[in-house]
Protein backbone atom coordinates (compact mmCIF):
# COMPACT_ATOMS: atom_id res chain seq x y z
CA MET A 1 113.16 81.09 160.15
CA ALA A 2 112.59 83.00 156.92
CA ASP A 3 116.21 82.41 155.87
CA ARG A 4 115.80 78.68 156.49
CA LYS A 5 112.70 78.56 154.25
CA ARG A 6 114.48 80.44 151.50
CA LEU A 7 117.41 78.02 151.73
CA LEU A 8 115.10 74.99 151.47
CA LEU A 9 113.32 76.48 148.45
CA LEU A 10 116.64 77.19 146.77
CA LYS A 11 117.80 73.60 147.35
CA LYS A 12 114.56 72.27 145.86
CA LYS A 13 114.98 74.45 142.77
CA LEU A 14 118.58 73.31 142.31
CA LEU A 15 117.56 69.65 142.64
CA LEU A 16 114.76 70.16 140.11
CA ILE A 17 117.13 71.82 137.62
CA LYS A 18 119.68 69.00 138.00
CA LYS A 19 116.96 66.40 137.53
CA ARG A 20 115.74 68.07 134.33
CA GLN A 21 119.28 68.37 132.99
CA SER A 22 120.08 64.73 133.70
CA THR A 23 116.79 63.61 132.12
CA THR A 24 117.43 65.69 129.01
CA ILE A 25 121.04 64.58 128.69
CA GLY A 26 120.08 60.96 129.26
CA TYR A 27 117.44 61.18 126.55
CA ARG A 28 119.77 62.85 124.08
CA ARG A 29 122.44 60.25 124.61
CA ARG A 30 120.09 57.31 124.55
CA TYR A 31 120.49 56.76 120.79
CA TRP A 32 122.66 58.34 118.13
CA VAL A 33 120.26 56.84 115.59
CA HIS A 34 117.03 55.26 116.81
CA PRO A 35 116.91 51.47 116.21
CA ILE A 36 113.73 51.88 114.13
CA ASN A 37 115.44 54.42 111.90
CA ARG A 38 118.50 52.19 111.45
CA LYS A 39 116.27 49.85 109.46
CA ARG A 40 115.32 52.56 106.96
CA GLU A 41 117.30 51.07 104.08
CA SER A 42 115.89 47.61 104.77
CA PHE A 43 112.27 48.42 105.54
CA GLY A 44 111.80 52.12 104.81
CA VAL A 45 109.09 53.55 102.55
CA PHE A 46 111.51 55.08 100.08
CA ALA A 47 113.66 51.97 99.79
CA HIS A 48 110.78 49.69 98.85
CA LEU A 49 107.30 51.17 98.52
CA ILE A 50 108.34 53.99 96.19
CA ASN A 51 109.83 51.57 93.69
CA GLU A 52 106.64 49.54 93.77
CA LEU A 53 104.53 52.67 93.30
CA ARG A 54 106.38 53.41 90.07
CA ASN A 55 104.48 50.48 88.58
CA ASP A 56 101.16 51.96 89.71
CA GLU A 57 100.98 55.52 88.38
CA LEU A 58 97.65 56.28 90.06
CA ARG A 59 99.01 55.59 93.53
CA PHE A 60 102.32 57.27 92.73
CA ARG A 61 100.64 60.54 91.87
CA LYS A 62 98.45 60.35 94.99
CA TYR A 63 101.68 60.41 96.96
CA PHE A 64 103.57 62.98 94.90
CA ARG A 65 101.04 64.77 92.63
CA MET A 66 102.99 63.97 89.47
CA THR A 67 104.00 61.11 87.20
CA PRO A 68 107.17 59.08 87.90
CA GLU A 69 108.75 60.64 84.79
CA ASN A 70 108.22 64.18 86.06
CA PHE A 71 109.44 63.18 89.52
CA ASP A 72 112.69 61.98 87.95
CA HIS A 73 112.94 65.12 85.81
CA LEU A 74 112.42 67.33 88.85
CA LEU A 75 114.99 65.36 90.84
CA SER A 76 117.57 65.76 88.07
CA LEU A 77 117.11 69.54 88.23
CA ILE A 78 117.54 69.99 91.98
CA GLN A 79 119.80 67.04 92.85
CA PRO A 80 123.06 69.06 92.88
CA TYR A 81 121.50 71.45 95.42
CA ILE A 82 120.29 68.83 97.90
CA THR A 83 123.12 66.29 97.73
CA LYS A 84 125.21 66.12 100.91
CA LYS A 85 128.44 64.23 101.59
CA HIS A 86 128.56 61.24 103.92
CA THR A 87 130.49 61.70 107.16
CA ASN A 88 132.19 59.26 109.52
CA MET A 89 129.34 59.79 111.96
CA ARG A 90 126.34 59.61 109.68
CA LYS A 91 125.27 58.68 106.17
CA ALA A 92 123.70 61.55 104.23
CA LEU A 93 120.09 61.26 103.06
CA GLU A 94 119.58 60.42 99.41
CA PRO A 95 118.38 63.32 97.22
CA GLY A 96 115.46 61.19 95.99
CA LEU A 97 114.35 60.56 99.56
CA LYS A 98 114.48 64.28 100.35
CA LEU A 99 112.33 65.14 97.34
CA ALA A 100 109.90 62.31 98.07
CA LEU A 101 109.24 63.25 101.68
CA THR A 102 108.96 66.95 100.78
CA LEU A 103 106.36 66.30 98.07
CA HIS A 104 104.51 63.92 100.38
CA HIS A 105 104.46 66.60 103.10
CA LEU A 106 103.12 69.24 100.68
CA ALA A 107 100.58 66.90 99.09
CA GLU A 108 99.03 65.63 102.31
CA GLY A 109 99.81 68.43 104.74
CA ALA A 110 101.14 65.87 107.24
CA SER A 111 103.27 67.17 110.11
CA HIS A 112 107.04 66.84 110.09
CA ALA A 113 106.73 64.31 112.93
CA ALA A 114 104.32 62.15 110.92
CA ILE A 115 106.53 62.31 107.82
CA ALA A 116 109.58 61.43 109.95
CA ALA A 117 107.88 58.34 111.36
CA HIS A 118 106.62 57.32 107.93
CA TYR A 119 110.09 57.45 106.37
CA ARG A 120 111.99 56.19 109.46
CA LEU A 121 113.86 59.42 110.05
CA GLY A 122 114.54 61.74 112.95
CA ARG A 123 112.25 64.73 113.18
CA SER A 124 115.05 67.31 112.96
CA SER A 125 116.57 65.52 109.96
CA THR A 126 113.16 65.50 108.28
CA SER A 127 112.59 69.21 108.87
CA GLN A 128 116.04 70.07 107.58
CA ALA A 129 115.51 67.92 104.47
CA ILE A 130 112.14 69.57 103.74
CA TYR A 131 113.41 73.14 103.98
CA ASP A 132 116.61 72.33 102.05
CA THR A 133 114.46 70.89 99.27
CA LEU A 134 112.00 73.79 99.27
CA ASN A 135 114.89 76.23 99.01
CA ALA A 136 116.36 74.24 96.11
CA LEU A 137 113.01 74.16 94.31
CA TRP A 138 112.75 77.94 94.43
CA VAL A 139 116.39 78.61 93.50
CA VAL A 140 116.35 76.21 90.55
CA LEU A 141 112.78 76.40 89.21
CA GLN A 142 111.93 80.08 89.66
CA PRO A 143 114.32 81.40 86.96
CA ILE A 144 112.99 78.77 84.54
CA TYR A 145 109.30 78.30 85.33
CA LEU A 146 108.27 81.48 87.16
CA LYS A 147 110.20 84.11 85.27
CA PRO A 148 108.23 87.33 84.62
CA PRO A 149 107.85 88.42 80.97
CA SER A 150 110.92 90.47 80.08
CA GLY A 151 109.65 92.62 77.22
CA PRO A 152 106.76 93.51 74.89
CA GLY A 153 107.08 90.29 72.89
CA GLU A 154 106.65 88.05 75.94
CA TRP A 155 103.85 90.21 77.34
CA MET A 156 102.01 89.95 74.00
CA LYS A 157 102.00 86.15 74.33
CA VAL A 158 100.11 86.63 77.58
CA VAL A 159 97.72 89.07 75.87
CA HIS A 160 96.96 86.57 73.09
CA GLY A 161 96.19 83.91 75.71
CA PHE A 162 93.42 86.04 77.20
CA GLU A 163 91.62 86.19 73.86
CA LYS A 164 89.87 82.93 74.74
CA TRP A 165 88.50 84.70 77.84
CA ASN A 166 87.23 87.59 75.65
CA PHE A 167 89.22 90.35 77.30
CA PRO A 168 91.62 92.03 74.83
CA HIS A 169 94.75 93.90 75.93
CA CYS A 170 94.91 91.88 79.17
CA LEU A 171 98.39 91.44 80.67
CA GLY A 172 97.34 89.22 83.55
CA SER A 173 94.79 88.44 86.24
CA VAL A 174 95.71 89.60 89.76
CA ASP A 175 94.49 88.48 93.17
CA GLY A 176 95.68 87.88 96.70
CA LYS A 177 95.06 84.92 99.00
CA HIS A 178 95.59 84.43 102.70
CA ILE A 179 97.67 81.43 103.85
CA THR A 180 96.83 80.52 107.45
CA ILE A 181 99.81 80.24 109.81
CA GLN A 182 100.26 79.90 113.56
CA LYS A 183 100.60 83.23 115.31
CA PRO A 184 104.21 84.46 115.24
CA GLY A 185 105.65 85.45 118.61
CA ASN A 186 105.36 89.10 119.65
CA ALA A 187 103.47 89.91 116.44
CA GLY A 188 100.40 91.45 118.07
CA SER A 189 97.65 91.85 115.46
CA THR A 190 100.05 92.28 112.52
CA PHE A 191 99.11 88.96 110.91
CA PHE A 192 95.43 89.03 111.98
CA ASN A 193 93.18 89.01 108.90
CA TYR A 194 89.50 89.69 108.28
CA LYS A 195 88.69 86.01 108.95
CA GLN A 196 90.11 86.52 112.45
CA ARG A 197 93.03 84.22 111.78
CA GLU A 198 96.76 84.77 111.45
CA SER A 199 97.98 84.62 107.87
CA ILE A 200 100.48 85.70 105.28
CA VAL A 201 99.40 86.86 101.83
CA LEU A 202 100.21 85.33 98.46
CA LEU A 203 99.70 88.00 95.80
CA ALA A 204 99.89 86.65 92.26
CA VAL A 205 99.59 87.64 88.62
CA CYS A 206 98.41 84.78 86.39
CA ASP A 207 98.27 84.19 82.66
CA ALA A 208 95.28 82.75 80.80
CA ASP A 209 96.42 79.15 81.39
CA TYR A 210 96.48 79.29 85.21
CA LYS A 211 100.24 79.82 85.45
CA PHE A 212 101.83 82.34 87.80
CA LEU A 213 103.70 85.18 86.10
CA LEU A 214 104.64 87.05 89.28
CA VAL A 215 104.25 86.35 92.98
CA ASP A 216 104.72 88.41 96.12
CA ILE A 217 104.73 86.19 99.21
CA GLY A 218 104.83 86.83 102.93
CA GLN A 219 103.17 90.16 103.67
CA PRO A 220 101.13 90.09 106.92
CA GLY A 221 97.45 89.17 106.72
CA SER A 222 96.36 92.56 108.02
CA CYS A 223 97.56 94.18 104.76
CA SER A 224 95.13 94.75 101.88
CA ASP A 225 95.71 93.23 98.45
CA GLY A 226 95.73 96.67 96.88
CA GLY A 227 98.27 97.96 99.37
CA ILE A 228 100.57 94.98 98.83
CA TRP A 229 100.28 95.44 95.07
CA GLU A 230 101.08 99.15 95.13
CA PHE A 231 104.09 98.77 97.42
CA SER A 232 105.47 95.61 95.81
CA GLN A 233 108.57 95.93 93.67
CA PHE A 234 106.57 95.25 90.51
CA GLY A 235 103.74 97.60 91.51
CA ARG A 236 106.16 100.46 92.13
CA ALA A 237 107.94 99.78 88.84
CA LEU A 238 104.60 99.89 87.00
CA GLU A 239 103.61 103.16 88.62
CA ASN A 240 106.96 104.69 87.69
CA GLY A 241 106.77 103.47 84.08
CA LYS A 242 109.77 101.17 84.45
CA VAL A 243 108.13 97.94 83.21
CA ASN A 244 108.77 97.24 79.54
CA LEU A 245 105.13 96.74 78.49
CA PRO A 246 103.74 96.76 74.93
CA VAL A 247 102.99 100.25 73.64
CA PRO A 248 99.27 101.13 73.50
CA SER A 249 97.50 99.97 70.33
CA MET A 250 94.03 99.87 68.80
CA LEU A 251 91.49 97.45 70.21
CA PRO A 252 90.63 94.60 67.81
CA GLY A 253 88.30 95.61 64.98
CA THR A 254 88.04 99.29 65.87
CA GLN A 255 88.60 102.30 63.66
CA GLU A 256 89.51 104.58 66.57
CA THR A 257 92.55 106.82 66.35
CA LEU A 258 93.27 106.75 70.09
CA PRO A 259 95.34 103.70 71.14
CA MET A 260 94.30 101.69 74.20
CA PRO A 261 96.85 100.78 76.90
CA TYR A 262 97.41 97.19 77.98
CA VAL A 263 96.04 96.41 81.43
CA PHE A 264 95.98 94.02 84.37
CA VAL A 265 92.63 93.00 85.85
CA GLY A 266 91.56 92.46 89.44
CA ASP A 267 88.69 92.86 91.89
CA GLU A 268 87.54 95.79 94.02
CA ALA A 269 90.49 95.41 96.39
CA PHE A 270 92.81 97.01 93.84
CA PRO A 271 93.10 100.66 92.77
CA LEU A 272 91.75 101.72 89.39
CA LYS A 273 94.63 102.86 87.17
CA LYS A 274 95.18 103.32 83.46
CA TYR A 275 97.09 100.01 83.55
CA PHE A 276 94.77 98.24 86.05
CA MET A 277 91.07 97.56 85.55
CA ARG A 278 88.61 96.63 88.26
CA PRO A 279 84.79 96.26 88.18
CA TYR A 280 82.32 99.09 88.49
CA PRO A 281 81.09 99.10 92.11
CA GLY A 282 77.54 97.90 92.65
CA ARG A 283 76.14 101.30 93.55
CA SER A 284 77.23 102.78 90.19
CA ILE A 285 75.99 100.00 87.90
CA ASN A 286 73.17 101.95 86.28
CA SER A 287 73.42 100.66 82.71
CA GLN A 288 73.54 97.44 80.73
CA GLU A 289 76.94 98.47 79.36
CA LYS A 290 78.48 98.51 82.83
CA LYS A 291 76.99 95.11 83.61
CA VAL A 292 78.56 93.77 80.41
CA PHE A 293 81.93 95.27 81.34
CA ASN A 294 81.84 93.67 84.79
CA TYR A 295 80.88 90.34 83.25
CA ARG A 296 83.71 90.44 80.71
CA LEU A 297 86.16 91.44 83.44
CA SER A 298 84.98 88.61 85.69
CA ARG A 299 85.78 86.09 82.94
CA ALA A 300 89.39 87.25 82.81
CA ARG A 301 89.66 87.33 86.60
CA ARG A 302 88.63 83.68 86.87
CA VAL A 303 92.06 82.42 85.85
CA VAL A 304 93.83 83.52 89.03
CA GLU A 305 90.96 82.11 91.09
CA ASN A 306 91.48 78.81 89.27
CA ALA A 307 95.23 78.87 89.84
CA PHE A 308 94.75 79.27 93.59
CA GLY A 309 92.01 76.64 93.64
CA ILE A 310 93.99 74.05 91.69
CA MET A 311 97.09 74.59 93.80
CA SER A 312 95.25 74.31 97.11
CA GLN A 313 93.46 71.11 96.08
CA ARG A 314 96.61 69.45 94.75
CA TRP A 315 98.85 70.55 97.62
CA ARG A 316 96.65 70.08 100.66
CA ILE A 317 99.08 71.66 103.07
CA LEU A 318 97.28 74.87 102.02
CA LEU A 319 94.05 73.55 103.54
CA LYS A 320 95.60 73.48 107.00
CA MET A 321 97.24 75.95 109.34
CA MET A 322 100.99 75.96 108.78
CA CYS A 323 102.80 75.35 112.06
CA ALA A 324 105.87 77.28 110.97
CA SER A 325 107.48 80.67 111.32
CA GLN A 326 106.68 83.37 108.79
CA ALA A 327 110.01 82.81 107.01
CA LYS A 328 109.46 79.05 106.75
CA ALA A 329 105.85 79.48 105.63
CA VAL A 330 107.15 81.73 102.84
CA LYS A 331 109.52 78.94 101.75
CA VAL A 332 106.59 76.51 101.61
CA VAL A 333 104.48 78.83 99.46
CA GLN A 334 107.43 79.62 97.18
CA GLY A 335 107.95 75.91 96.65
CA LEU A 336 104.26 75.37 95.89
CA CYS A 337 104.16 78.19 93.33
CA VAL A 338 107.13 76.89 91.34
CA LEU A 339 105.87 73.30 91.55
CA HIS A 340 102.50 74.45 90.22
CA ASN A 341 104.12 76.20 87.25
CA PHE A 342 106.54 73.33 86.64
CA LEU A 343 103.69 70.84 86.33
CA ARG A 344 101.62 73.19 84.15
CA ILE A 345 104.50 73.88 81.78
CA VAL A 346 105.83 70.33 81.43
CA GLY A 347 102.24 69.29 80.79
CA ASP A 348 101.81 66.68 83.50
CA PRO A 349 98.50 65.04 82.47
CA THR A 350 97.59 64.17 86.05
CA TYR A 351 97.93 67.65 87.53
CA VAL A 352 95.13 69.44 85.65
CA PRO A 353 93.22 66.76 83.70
CA PRO A 354 90.42 67.76 81.30
CA GLY A 355 87.53 69.31 83.20
CA TYR A 356 89.52 70.03 86.36
CA ALA A 357 89.79 73.80 85.68
CA ASP A 358 87.20 76.26 84.35
CA THR A 359 86.93 76.07 80.56
CA PRO A 360 85.31 78.65 78.23
CA ARG A 361 83.01 77.13 75.59
CA GLU A 362 82.36 78.52 72.12
CA ASP A 363 78.88 79.66 73.15
CA GLY A 364 80.38 81.78 75.93
CA VAL A 365 79.31 79.51 78.78
CA ILE A 366 82.10 78.73 81.23
CA GLN A 367 82.22 75.07 82.19
CA GLU A 368 83.22 75.17 85.85
CA GLY A 369 86.11 72.95 86.84
CA PHE A 370 85.50 70.16 89.32
CA TRP A 371 88.18 71.50 91.67
CA ARG A 372 85.34 73.73 92.86
CA ALA A 373 83.49 70.74 94.28
CA GLU A 374 85.93 70.82 97.20
CA ALA A 375 86.17 73.83 99.49
CA SER A 376 89.38 75.82 99.10
CA GLY A 377 91.33 76.46 102.28
CA VAL A 378 93.02 79.52 100.84
CA GLN A 379 91.04 82.61 101.80
CA GLY A 380 90.34 85.46 99.43
CA ALA A 381 90.42 89.12 100.32
CA THR A 382 87.37 91.28 100.97
CA ASN A 383 88.83 94.65 101.92
CA PHE A 384 88.01 97.13 99.17
CA ASN A 385 90.14 99.91 97.75
CA ARG A 386 88.13 102.98 96.75
CA SER A 387 91.06 104.71 95.06
CA ASN A 388 90.25 105.86 91.52
CA ASN A 389 92.65 107.43 89.08
CA LEU A 390 91.20 109.76 86.43
CA ASP A 391 93.15 108.07 83.64
CA GLY A 392 91.89 104.73 84.95
CA VAL A 393 88.29 105.95 84.86
CA ILE A 394 88.71 107.03 81.23
CA VAL A 395 90.29 103.72 80.18
CA ARG A 396 87.58 101.70 81.96
CA ASN A 397 84.83 103.70 80.27
CA ARG A 398 86.46 103.10 76.90
CA PHE A 399 86.57 99.34 77.54
CA CYS A 400 82.94 99.55 78.68
CA ASN A 401 81.86 101.23 75.45
CA TYR A 402 83.93 98.84 73.34
CA PHE A 403 82.44 95.70 74.90
CA SER A 404 78.93 96.92 74.01
CA SER A 405 79.84 98.11 70.53
CA ARG A 406 79.48 96.26 67.24
CA ASP A 407 83.27 95.81 67.12
CA GLY A 408 83.82 94.51 70.65
CA SER A 409 80.66 92.67 71.68
CA VAL A 410 80.18 88.90 71.58
CA PRO A 411 76.82 87.32 70.65
CA TRP A 412 76.12 85.63 73.96
CA GLN A 413 77.12 88.35 76.46
CA LEU A 414 73.63 89.81 77.09
CA ASP A 415 72.18 86.37 77.79
CA ALA A 416 75.06 85.71 80.18
CA VAL A 417 74.54 89.03 81.98
CA ASN A 418 70.80 88.40 82.32
CA ARG A 419 71.47 84.94 83.80
CA ARG A 420 73.67 86.36 86.55
């Protein structure tokens, strides 16, 4: 009796498997190209609407976050990398279509399925086109638009840029942001961050004009910003003295005989080093001079906050959870970083119009950019690093004294500190 029951169960399982296989095979063979998608060239968005949008720049940039001229320029750069040959079985997608649907996906954060339906494409073809384009953007644009300074001369250009933020000897503003992703399989709590979400971290160094100088992308959300910085390739090179930075020099206007090193600036999550300044912690702020130092440091730190804020508001995929693997999420963020720099450097007037980013005024007041009116979906870090280096303590104290001296103070700083 038991054997008979087992035999019946086995037959049922075999019938169920055959039914599933026949259903799947029947579905796969139903269409080589769906009838709706066959009409792409006649009725598709790219074939018609995009050409009409070129005559309406406002709507064009809502779709693609750039002017038609910069779209064409970008396409000319990456076209050789995303052009495929036609086959007897299928016509290859146009490079312009691939770029258009990728930018649309990044700008709106729409799913691959929604983008596929919008452009009359298969979902797998859409996904492949998006990741091919993202890879091309990184390969082509990174060496041109996100190339780290290569020597003292290029680093000094960054230093001069920070003069408008009233922090001399500044090599860049550093911060890390969490990019929310769906939980990777078998990852445990590796990607679980302090917001109780899965994420990867974008760690960036920015110049005074909200451009990325260096990025480290993809470390798990459970890692601290300071830890990622110290173990990154650039962080290790800095610690070992292998980065070709400007030699220490006198601070502006001083008669001191001891040169001051050039430094990066960040928040409490980073370790204090002779080449990295962070604020005095709240419990140790027992003087006006330390309050002034923290204020002056906060001005320089604002630029990386602005870079993240601008990017997340322009490319709204960052406001949503990325339904992608860690590797594919990294490709998305890489593409966004180089697109951000590309549009900043070519000077696209629609990307950061006047008033969109924080702007320092002559009286010292910072006019906050209106990107702040919308909540940013990119989370900042809160885990602190209490590591202090003796050389770092000495350098920070020297900056502190300088900012409150006759040579290094600015007329409005005490009023600003008292308003905080």
